[in-house]
Protein backbone atom coordinates (compact mmCIF):
# COMPACT_ATOMS: atom_id res chain seq x y z
CA MET A 1 9.41 20.57 -3.00
CA ASP A 2 11.70 17.59 -2.53
CA VAL A 3 10.03 14.56 -0.95
CA LEU A 4 12.90 12.55 0.52
CA ALA A 5 11.20 9.26 1.41
CA VAL A 6 8.03 7.59 2.62
CA ASP A 7 8.26 8.22 6.35
CA HIS A 8 5.42 5.88 7.26
CA VAL A 9 2.01 4.64 6.17
CA GLU A 10 -1.05 4.96 8.41
CA PHE A 11 -3.97 2.55 8.20
CA PHE A 12 -7.40 3.37 9.55
CA THR A 13 -8.79 0.10 10.86
CA GLY A 14 -11.67 -1.20 12.91
CA ASP A 15 -9.31 -2.86 15.40
CA ALA A 16 -5.77 -1.48 15.55
CA ARG A 17 -4.55 -4.20 17.90
CA GLN A 18 -5.86 -7.00 15.68
CA ALA A 19 -4.51 -5.38 12.50
CA ALA A 20 -1.08 -4.92 14.11
CA PHE A 21 -1.11 -8.52 15.33
CA VAL A 22 -1.82 -9.82 11.80
CA LEU A 23 1.01 -7.77 10.29
CA CYS A 24 3.41 -8.88 13.02
CA ARG A 25 2.34 -12.51 12.75
CA ALA A 26 2.40 -12.78 8.95
CA PHE A 27 5.23 -10.43 7.95
CA GLY A 28 7.49 -10.28 10.99
CA PHE A 29 6.78 -6.69 12.02
CA ARG A 30 7.35 -5.71 15.68
CA ILE A 31 5.42 -3.41 18.00
CA LEU A 32 7.46 -0.23 18.39
CA GLY A 33 5.00 1.98 20.26
CA GLN A 34 1.38 2.80 21.02
CA GLY A 35 -0.83 5.82 21.46
CA GLY A 36 -4.27 6.62 22.79
CA PRO A 37 -6.06 8.46 25.57
CA ASP A 38 -3.39 7.32 28.04
CA THR A 39 -0.63 9.01 25.98
CA GLY A 40 -2.49 12.26 25.33
CA ALA A 41 -4.23 11.20 22.10
CA PRO A 42 -7.95 11.13 22.97
CA GLY A 43 -10.48 9.47 20.69
CA ARG A 44 -8.07 7.05 19.08
CA ARG A 45 -5.96 3.95 19.62
CA SER A 46 -2.80 3.62 17.53
CA LEU A 47 -0.10 0.97 17.36
CA LEU A 48 3.19 1.59 15.57
CA VAL A 49 4.82 -1.45 13.99
CA GLY A 50 8.06 -1.73 12.07
CA HIS A 51 10.26 -4.11 10.12
CA GLY A 52 13.64 -2.85 8.96
CA GLY A 53 13.07 0.72 7.77
CA SER A 54 9.31 0.22 7.18
CA ARG A 55 6.97 1.94 9.61
CA VAL A 56 3.21 1.33 9.69
CA LEU A 57 0.82 3.09 12.07
CA MET A 58 -2.47 1.28 12.76
CA THR A 59 -5.20 3.62 14.05
CA SER A 60 -8.76 2.97 15.23
CA GLY A 61 -11.30 5.59 16.22
CA LEU A 62 -12.74 5.13 19.71
CA ALA A 63 -15.86 7.14 18.89
CA ALA A 64 -18.12 7.30 15.83
CA HIS A 65 -17.11 10.90 15.05
CA HIS A 66 -13.38 10.12 14.79
CA PRO A 67 -12.06 10.30 11.17
CA ALA A 68 -10.76 6.72 11.41
CA ALA A 69 -14.20 5.40 12.35
CA ASP A 70 -15.79 7.33 9.49
CA TYR A 71 -13.18 6.03 7.03
CA VAL A 72 -13.68 2.41 8.10
CA ALA A 73 -17.46 2.75 7.84
CA ARG A 74 -17.09 3.80 4.19
CA HIS A 75 -14.08 1.81 3.03
CA GLY A 76 -13.24 -0.89 5.53
CA ASP A 77 -9.63 -1.09 6.72
CA GLY A 78 -7.26 0.75 4.40
CA VAL A 79 -4.41 3.19 3.90
CA ALA A 80 -5.57 6.64 4.98
CA VAL A 81 -2.24 8.50 5.15
CA ILE A 82 1.04 8.18 3.26
CA ALA A 83 3.57 10.32 5.10
CA PHE A 84 6.38 12.12 3.27
CA ARG A 85 9.74 12.80 4.92
CA VAL A 86 10.80 16.36 4.06
CA GLU A 87 13.44 18.85 5.16
CA ASP A 88 10.92 21.57 6.08
CA ALA A 89 7.35 20.47 6.84
CA ALA A 90 5.97 24.01 7.16
CA ALA A 91 7.41 25.05 3.80
CA ALA A 92 6.16 21.86 2.11
CA TYR A 93 2.70 22.44 3.57
CA ALA A 94 2.58 26.06 2.38
CA GLU A 95 3.82 25.14 -1.10
CA SER A 96 1.35 22.28 -1.56
CA VAL A 97 -1.64 24.33 -0.31
CA ALA A 98 -0.68 27.19 -2.63
CA ALA A 99 -0.62 24.66 -5.49
CA GLY A 100 -4.12 23.40 -4.73
CA ALA A 101 -3.93 20.80 -1.94
CA ILE A 102 -6.65 21.04 0.71
CA PRO A 103 -5.17 21.87 4.13
CA LEU A 104 -6.09 19.27 6.76
CA GLN A 105 -3.68 20.03 9.62
CA GLN A 106 -1.48 23.09 9.96
CA PRO A 107 2.19 22.59 10.95
CA LEU A 108 2.44 21.18 14.46
CA VAL A 109 5.68 20.87 16.45
CA ARG A 110 6.18 17.95 18.83
CA GLU A 111 9.28 17.85 21.03
CA ARG A 112 10.67 15.50 23.65
CA ASP A 113 14.17 14.78 25.02
CA GLY A 114 16.02 16.48 22.21
CA GLU A 115 13.70 15.13 19.51
CA ARG A 116 11.82 17.58 17.32
CA VAL A 117 9.16 16.37 14.89
CA VAL A 118 7.14 18.79 12.77
CA THR A 119 4.07 17.49 10.93
CA ALA A 120 1.43 18.96 8.64
CA VAL A 121 -1.29 17.24 6.62
CA VAL A 122 -2.86 17.96 3.21
CA SER A 123 -5.19 16.12 0.86
CA GLY A 124 -3.87 13.60 -1.65
CA PHE A 125 -6.52 11.78 -3.68
CA GLY A 126 -9.89 10.38 -2.67
CA ASP A 127 -9.84 9.96 1.11
CA VAL A 128 -6.06 9.47 1.23
CA ALA A 129 -4.04 12.29 2.83
CA HIS A 130 -0.33 13.09 2.94
CA ARG A 131 1.49 13.99 6.14
CA PHE A 132 4.69 16.00 5.82
CA VAL A 133 7.20 14.90 8.47
CA GLU A 134 10.32 16.84 9.41
CA ARG A 135 12.63 15.14 11.93
CA SER A 136 15.64 16.28 13.93
CA GLY A 137 17.37 14.74 16.93
CA PRO A 138 18.54 11.21 17.81
CA GLY A 139 15.66 9.49 15.98
CA ALA A 140 14.36 7.44 18.90
CA GLU A 141 10.89 9.00 18.80
CA PHE A 142 8.16 8.63 16.19
CA LEU A 143 5.48 11.21 17.04
CA PRO A 144 6.18 12.57 20.55
CA GLY A 145 3.01 13.16 22.53
CA LEU A 146 1.00 10.87 20.25
CA VAL A 147 2.92 7.58 20.24
CA GLU A 148 4.69 6.32 23.35
CA MET A 149 7.65 4.24 22.20
CA ALA A 150 8.20 0.78 23.62
CA GLU A 151 11.15 0.46 25.96
CA SER A 152 14.20 -0.93 24.18
CA PRO A 153 12.49 -3.28 21.69
CA ALA A 154 14.55 -6.42 21.22
CA ALA A 155 16.72 -6.47 18.11
CA ASP A 156 15.61 -8.89 15.42
CA SER A 157 18.46 -10.55 13.56
CA THR A 158 16.08 -12.00 10.94
CA GLN A 159 14.88 -8.73 9.40
CA LEU A 160 13.95 -9.34 5.78
CA LEU A 161 12.36 -5.99 4.86
CA THR A 162 14.25 -2.75 4.34
CA ALA A 163 11.81 0.05 3.42
CA ILE A 164 8.57 1.03 1.70
CA ASP A 165 9.33 0.94 -2.03
CA HIS A 166 6.14 2.24 -3.68
CA ALA A 167 2.34 2.30 -3.52
CA ALA A 168 -0.39 1.75 -6.10
CA PHE A 169 -3.58 3.81 -6.34
CA CYS A 170 -6.83 2.80 -8.02
CA VAL A 171 -8.93 5.67 -9.37
CA PRO A 172 -12.25 5.69 -11.28
CA ALA A 173 -12.32 5.86 -15.07
CA GLY A 174 -11.48 9.36 -16.26
CA GLU A 175 -9.57 10.27 -13.08
CA LEU A 176 -6.09 9.02 -14.02
CA GLU A 177 -4.90 12.11 -15.89
CA PRO A 178 -6.34 14.61 -13.35
CA THR A 179 -4.71 12.69 -10.49
CA VAL A 180 -1.35 12.65 -12.25
CA ARG A 181 -1.66 16.42 -12.85
CA HIS A 182 -2.51 16.92 -9.18
CA TYR A 183 0.66 15.13 -8.03
CA ARG A 184 2.79 17.05 -10.53
CA LYS A 185 1.41 20.42 -9.52
CA THR A 186 0.98 19.87 -5.78
CA PHE A 187 3.92 17.65 -4.79
CA GLY A 188 6.39 17.99 -7.65
CA PHE A 189 6.10 14.37 -8.80
CA GLU A 190 6.82 13.66 -12.46
CA PRO A 191 5.53 10.86 -14.72
CA ILE A 192 8.24 8.33 -15.48
CA PHE A 193 6.34 5.43 -17.06
CA GLU A 194 2.96 4.63 -18.59
CA GLU A 195 1.44 1.44 -19.87
CA TYR A 196 -1.82 -0.10 -20.99
CA VAL A 197 -2.26 -3.41 -19.17
CA ALA A 198 -4.42 -6.15 -20.69
CA VAL A 199 -5.37 -9.16 -18.58
CA GLY A 200 -7.56 -11.47 -20.64
CA ASP A 201 -10.53 -9.39 -21.78
CA GLN A 202 -9.96 -6.76 -19.07
CA GLY A 203 -7.92 -3.60 -19.50
CA MET A 204 -6.46 -0.85 -17.35
CA PHE A 205 -4.46 2.31 -17.90
CA SER A 206 -1.41 2.86 -15.71
CA GLN A 207 0.96 5.76 -15.08
CA VAL A 208 3.87 5.94 -12.63
CA VAL A 209 4.85 9.20 -10.94
CA GLN A 210 7.97 9.79 -8.87
CA SER A 211 9.28 12.47 -6.51
CA ALA A 212 12.19 14.67 -7.60
CA SER A 213 14.45 12.70 -5.23
CA GLY A 214 13.46 9.44 -6.94
CA ALA A 215 12.76 7.98 -3.49
CA VAL A 216 8.93 8.00 -3.58
CA THR A 217 7.04 6.28 -6.38
CA PHE A 218 3.31 5.87 -6.97
CA THR A 219 1.58 3.73 -9.60
CA LEU A 220 -1.83 5.09 -10.61
CA ILE A 221 -4.36 2.82 -12.31
CA GLU A 222 -7.81 3.34 -13.83
CA PRO A 223 -10.06 0.72 -15.47
CA ASP A 224 -10.77 0.59 -19.19
CA THR A 225 -14.55 0.70 -19.17
CA SER A 226 -14.76 -0.32 -22.83
CA ARG A 227 -13.75 -3.84 -21.83
CA ARG A 228 -15.08 -6.38 -19.32
CA ARG A 229 -15.20 -5.31 -15.70
CA GLY A 230 -12.11 -6.49 -13.83
CA GLN A 231 -10.12 -6.24 -10.65
CA ILE A 232 -9.75 -2.45 -10.67
CA ASP A 233 -13.54 -2.14 -10.96
CA ASP A 234 -13.78 -4.67 -8.12
CA PHE A 235 -11.47 -2.61 -5.95
CA LEU A 236 -13.41 0.59 -6.57
CA ALA A 237 -16.69 -1.17 -5.76
CA TRP A 238 -15.48 -3.13 -2.73
CA HIS A 239 -13.46 -0.23 -1.31
CA GLY A 240 -16.21 2.29 -1.97
CA GLY A 241 -14.21 4.62 -4.21
CA PRO A 242 -10.57 5.41 -5.02
CA GLY A 243 -7.85 4.25 -2.66
CA VAL A 244 -4.52 2.52 -2.13
CA GLN A 245 -4.60 -0.95 -3.64
CA HIS A 246 -1.18 -2.12 -2.48
CA VAL A 247 2.05 -1.05 -0.83
CA ALA A 248 5.35 -2.64 -1.86
CA LEU A 249 7.98 -3.53 0.72
CA SER A 250 11.58 -3.79 -0.44
CA THR A 251 13.73 -6.73 0.55
CA GLY A 252 17.27 -7.91 -0.06
CA ASP A 253 16.18 -11.57 -0.25
CA ILE A 254 12.76 -11.98 -1.81
CA ALA A 255 12.94 -15.78 -1.95
CA GLY A 256 13.90 -15.98 1.71
CA ALA A 257 11.15 -13.49 2.58
CA VAL A 258 8.50 -15.52 0.71
CA ASP A 259 9.63 -18.67 2.52
CA ALA A 260 9.65 -16.99 5.94
CA PHE A 261 6.34 -15.20 5.54
CA SER A 262 4.63 -18.24 4.00
CA ALA A 263 5.70 -20.24 7.05
CA ARG A 264 4.11 -17.53 9.23
CA GLY A 265 0.77 -17.81 7.40
CA ALA A 266 1.02 -15.23 4.60
CA GLY A 267 -0.11 -16.38 1.16
CA PHE A 268 1.20 -15.28 -2.22
CA ALA A 269 -0.27 -15.16 -5.72
CA PRO A 270 0.79 -18.20 -7.79
CA THR A 271 2.38 -17.97 -11.24
CA PRO A 272 1.95 -20.59 -14.03
CA ALA A 273 4.98 -22.71 -14.96
CA ALA A 274 4.79 -21.41 -18.55
CA TYR A 275 5.92 -17.96 -17.34
CA TYR A 276 9.33 -19.36 -16.40
CA GLU A 277 9.77 -21.32 -19.63
CA GLU A 278 10.01 -18.01 -21.53
CA LEU A 279 11.93 -16.07 -18.89
CA GLY A 280 15.45 -16.56 -20.25
CA ALA A 281 14.48 -15.63 -23.82
CA ARG A 282 12.67 -12.54 -22.60
CA LEU A 283 15.19 -11.17 -20.08
CA GLY A 284 18.51 -12.82 -20.85
CA PRO A 285 20.76 -13.73 -17.91
CA ILE A 286 19.35 -13.08 -14.44
CA ASP A 287 21.12 -13.28 -11.10
CA ILE A 288 18.64 -15.43 -9.16
CA PRO A 289 18.26 -19.04 -10.37
CA VAL A 290 14.99 -19.61 -12.22
CA GLU A 291 14.25 -22.64 -10.03
CA ARG A 292 14.42 -20.43 -6.94
CA LEU A 293 11.88 -18.08 -8.50
CA SER A 294 9.50 -20.63 -10.03
CA SER A 295 9.07 -22.69 -6.87
CA ARG A 296 7.81 -19.57 -5.09
CA GLY A 297 5.91 -17.78 -7.90
CA ILE A 298 8.31 -14.80 -7.97
CA LEU A 299 8.37 -12.70 -11.15
CA ALA A 300 11.45 -11.16 -12.78
CA ASP A 301 11.84 -8.11 -15.01
CA ARG A 302 14.30 -5.38 -15.89
CA ASP A 303 14.43 -1.67 -16.71
CA HIS A 304 17.25 0.44 -18.19
CA TRP A 305 19.27 0.22 -14.96
CA GLY A 306 18.93 -3.37 -13.82
CA LEU A 307 16.78 -6.26 -12.65
CA MET A 308 13.83 -6.49 -10.25
CA TYR A 309 11.93 -9.36 -8.65
CA GLN A 310 8.32 -9.00 -7.47
CA ILE A 311 5.41 -10.92 -5.98
CA PHE A 312 1.94 -9.97 -4.70
CA ALA A 313 0.73 -11.29 -1.35
CA ARG A 314 -2.86 -12.45 -1.01
CA SER A 315 -5.18 -9.92 0.53
CA MET A 316 -5.80 -10.40 4.25
CA HIS A 317 -8.63 -7.85 4.29
CA VAL A 318 -12.26 -8.84 4.61
CA ARG A 319 -13.18 -6.79 1.51
CA ASN A 320 -10.28 -8.28 -0.52
CA THR A 321 -9.07 -4.79 -1.35
CA PHE A 322 -5.64 -3.91 0.04
CA PHE A 323 -2.67 -6.27 -0.26
CA TRP A 324 1.12 -6.14 0.15
CA GLU A 325 3.82 -6.61 -2.49
CA LEU A 326 7.44 -7.70 -2.02
CA ILE A 327 10.11 -6.31 -4.35
CA GLU A 328 13.86 -6.89 -4.61
CA ARG A 329 15.77 -4.47 -6.85
CA HIS A 330 19.12 -5.31 -8.41
CA GLY A 331 19.87 -1.90 -9.90
CA ALA A 332 16.36 -1.29 -11.29
CA ARG A 333 14.97 2.17 -10.49
CA THR A 334 11.52 2.01 -12.06
CA PHE A 335 9.44 -0.89 -13.44
CA GLY A 336 9.80 -3.26 -16.36
CA THR A 337 7.30 -3.71 -19.15
CA SER A 338 6.41 -7.35 -18.45
CA ASN A 339 5.88 -7.70 -14.70
CA ILE A 340 2.88 -5.39 -14.40
CA PRO A 341 0.65 -7.53 -16.69
CA ALA A 342 2.01 -10.72 -15.08
CA LEU A 343 1.42 -9.41 -11.55
CA TYR A 344 -2.13 -8.41 -12.35
CA ALA A 345 -2.77 -11.71 -14.11
CA ALA A 346 -1.64 -13.48 -10.91
CA LYS A 347 -3.95 -11.28 -8.83
CA GLU A 348 -6.80 -11.94 -11.29
CA ARG A 349 -6.44 -15.70 -10.76
CA GLU A 350 -6.82 -15.10 -7.03
CA LEU A 351 -9.78 -12.72 -7.36
CA CYS A 352 -11.70 -14.96 -9.78
CA ALA A 353 -12.44 -17.32 -6.90
CA VAL A 354 -13.45 -14.41 -4.67
CA ARG A 355 -15.69 -12.96 -7.36
CA ASP A 356 -17.33 -16.34 -8.04
CA ALA A 357 -17.95 -16.85 -4.32
CA ALA A 358 -19.50 -13.39 -4.04
CA LEU A 359 -21.80 -14.10 -6.99
CA ALA A 360 -22.78 -17.44 -5.45
CA ASP A 361 -23.57 -15.73 -2.13
CA THR A 362 -25.68 -13.14 -3.91
CA ALA A 363 -27.59 -15.81 -5.82
CA SER A 364 -28.14 -17.78 -2.61
CA THR A 365 -29.35 -14.67 -0.78
CA ASN A 366 -31.72 -13.79 -3.62
CA ALA A 367 -33.11 -17.34 -3.69
CA ALA A 368 -33.65 -17.29 0.07
CA SER A 369 -35.44 -13.96 -0.23
CA ILE A 370 -37.76 -15.32 -2.92
CA ASN A 371 -38.56 -18.39 -0.79
CA THR A 372 -39.29 -16.19 2.19
CA VAL A 373 -41.95 -14.13 0.45
CA ARG A 374 -43.50 -16.99 -1.55
CA ARG A 375 -47.01 -17.92 -0.42
CA PRO A 376 -48.70 -21.31 -0.94
CA ALA A 377 -51.49 -21.39 -3.48
């Protein structure tokens, strides 16, 4: 099986319109289409948004029995489907099911005005599924009969994002190796990188798997339970099990993107000044001035093929689970050995305040409960 690209990501959310508005407002996405009972998709409301080559489908269940409503009840808003672009969706479906994937939707053909889109869905990990998408025709449609495309959306000359670069999964302790084996056997992904990440007295194990085409990359992370509980444990607790922690969006101008999205209300994880004092000695010459990186908190690293620049956005989700990443690659194909610890250290600084606030709320609630039941002597 050759997975050619990430076709789109689908979020299950309590309010698709609100979630789409936030993504459009903060990261410059545009509404490309919508679906629901009025377009022949009963029980759901979906909005398709895009920026450059990135496509995100926001879906809400309109009844308690809809899978999106059930997902949100258990996890809050989150990534429920990562769709794979393939040459033959039916063949990919058959191959993955034969290899052990759970079938969720048999191949379905949707056609309209010369467009032909074939989809099929199988299990991935946890409650995350994968949709195989085969496309032929002019490319004006997304999912005919499900999403009604907006009429001639205005061109945006300020597009800063190009595509979905990779996604990161958090899995419980002991599930990293089985999940990697599942993606090797079921989807033909191969491990390309592994690392133990230490952030203070926390630890996590990480492996990166990639499709045969090299176009789809997943980072899988599990907590080291022999050390202090940390942000991966927090994700698993707050999300209610394994799930997608972040999705990275590629850009050709990460500094410009940080400036533009910050002005629109998006926040980004800060990086200490000391990180940049050691940057030259660690990496050698880089092709973005250090001052341009340091003033925005952007990290730099390199692999065997070239340089990369990365930054985590602050979570906009009520459970502080999912967040976005921006990445600009200058020849790099994988990940460097220094950015992953630095990125997670930046996220830890953000989550410390969240964790402390949660503990304070719990203590306040407990104290209020004690006062409520106390009786005078």
